[in-house]
């Protein structure tokens, strides 16, 4: 498989959806489709625990997300 740089339309789509707080949906779809570990950056804000970003961990140790 060859990975190509994104074109402008693809970049705008990703920036408008997955980089502005909707990474959870992509991570969940990748987890369901690939079965890789689902991971998240979790932060305690006041009395709330917030997932700030989500991704899946590739078997080689890397991460796969919308960034």
Protein backbone atom coordinates (compact mmCIF):
# COMPACT_ATOMS: atom_id res chain seq x y z
CA UNK A 1 0.00 0.00 0.00
CA UNK A 2 1.28 3.46 -0.87
CA UNK A 3 0.23 6.43 1.27
CA UNK A 4 -0.18 9.67 -0.67
CA UNK A 5 -0.34 13.18 0.77
CA UNK A 6 -3.94 14.40 1.04
CA UNK A 7 -5.34 16.77 -1.54
CA UNK A 8 -6.98 20.04 -0.50
CA UNK A 9 -10.55 18.71 -0.37
CA UNK A 10 -9.51 15.75 1.78
CA UNK A 11 -7.49 18.00 4.11
CA UNK A 12 -10.40 20.40 4.55
CA UNK A 13 -12.75 17.50 5.30
CA UNK A 14 -10.42 16.02 7.91
CA UNK A 15 -9.60 19.39 9.51
CA UNK A 16 -13.27 20.33 9.69
CA UNK A 17 -14.40 17.07 11.30
CA UNK A 18 -11.68 14.97 12.89
CA UNK A 19 -9.37 17.69 14.16
CA UNK A 20 -12.14 19.61 15.88
CA UNK A 21 -13.29 17.06 18.42
CA UNK A 22 -14.83 14.25 16.36
CA UNK A 23 -11.81 11.95 16.54
CA UNK A 24 -13.88 9.64 18.73
CA UNK A 25 -16.07 8.46 15.85
CA UNK A 26 -13.06 7.71 13.65
CA UNK A 27 -11.21 5.91 16.45
CA UNK A 28 -14.29 3.82 17.24
CA UNK A 29 -14.75 2.88 13.56
CA UNK A 30 -11.06 1.90 13.29
CA UNK A 31 -11.30 -0.13 16.50
CA UNK A 32 -14.39 -1.95 15.24
CA UNK A 33 -12.92 -2.57 11.79
CA UNK A 34 -9.36 -3.45 12.72
CA UNK A 35 -9.64 -4.75 16.27
CA UNK A 36 -6.63 -2.70 17.39
CA UNK A 37 -6.44 -1.23 20.91
CA UNK A 38 -8.55 1.89 21.39
CA UNK A 39 -6.63 4.60 23.26
CA UNK A 40 -7.41 8.08 24.48
CA UNK A 41 -5.85 11.18 25.97
CA UNK A 42 -7.86 11.64 29.15
CA UNK A 43 -7.79 14.78 31.29
CA UNK A 44 -9.45 15.63 34.58
CA UNK A 45 -11.14 19.05 34.32
CA UNK A 46 -12.70 20.10 37.59
CA UNK A 47 -14.98 17.24 38.63
CA UNK A 48 -15.22 15.84 35.10
CA UNK A 49 -13.05 13.34 33.27
CA UNK A 50 -12.81 14.32 29.60
CA UNK A 51 -11.44 12.34 26.64
CA UNK A 52 -9.50 15.00 24.75
CA UNK A 53 -8.40 12.83 21.83
CA UNK A 54 -8.90 9.23 20.71
CA UNK A 55 -7.02 6.89 18.37
CA UNK A 56 -6.11 3.24 17.86
CA UNK A 57 -2.70 1.68 18.44
CA UNK A 58 -1.18 -0.01 15.38
CA UNK A 59 0.36 -3.46 16.05
CA UNK A 60 3.82 -2.00 15.28
CA UNK A 61 3.38 0.40 18.22
CA UNK A 62 2.36 3.51 16.27
CA UNK A 63 -0.98 5.29 16.39
CA UNK A 64 -3.68 5.79 13.79
CA UNK A 65 -6.07 8.71 13.98
CA UNK A 66 -7.42 11.67 12.05
CA UNK A 67 -4.31 13.79 12.35
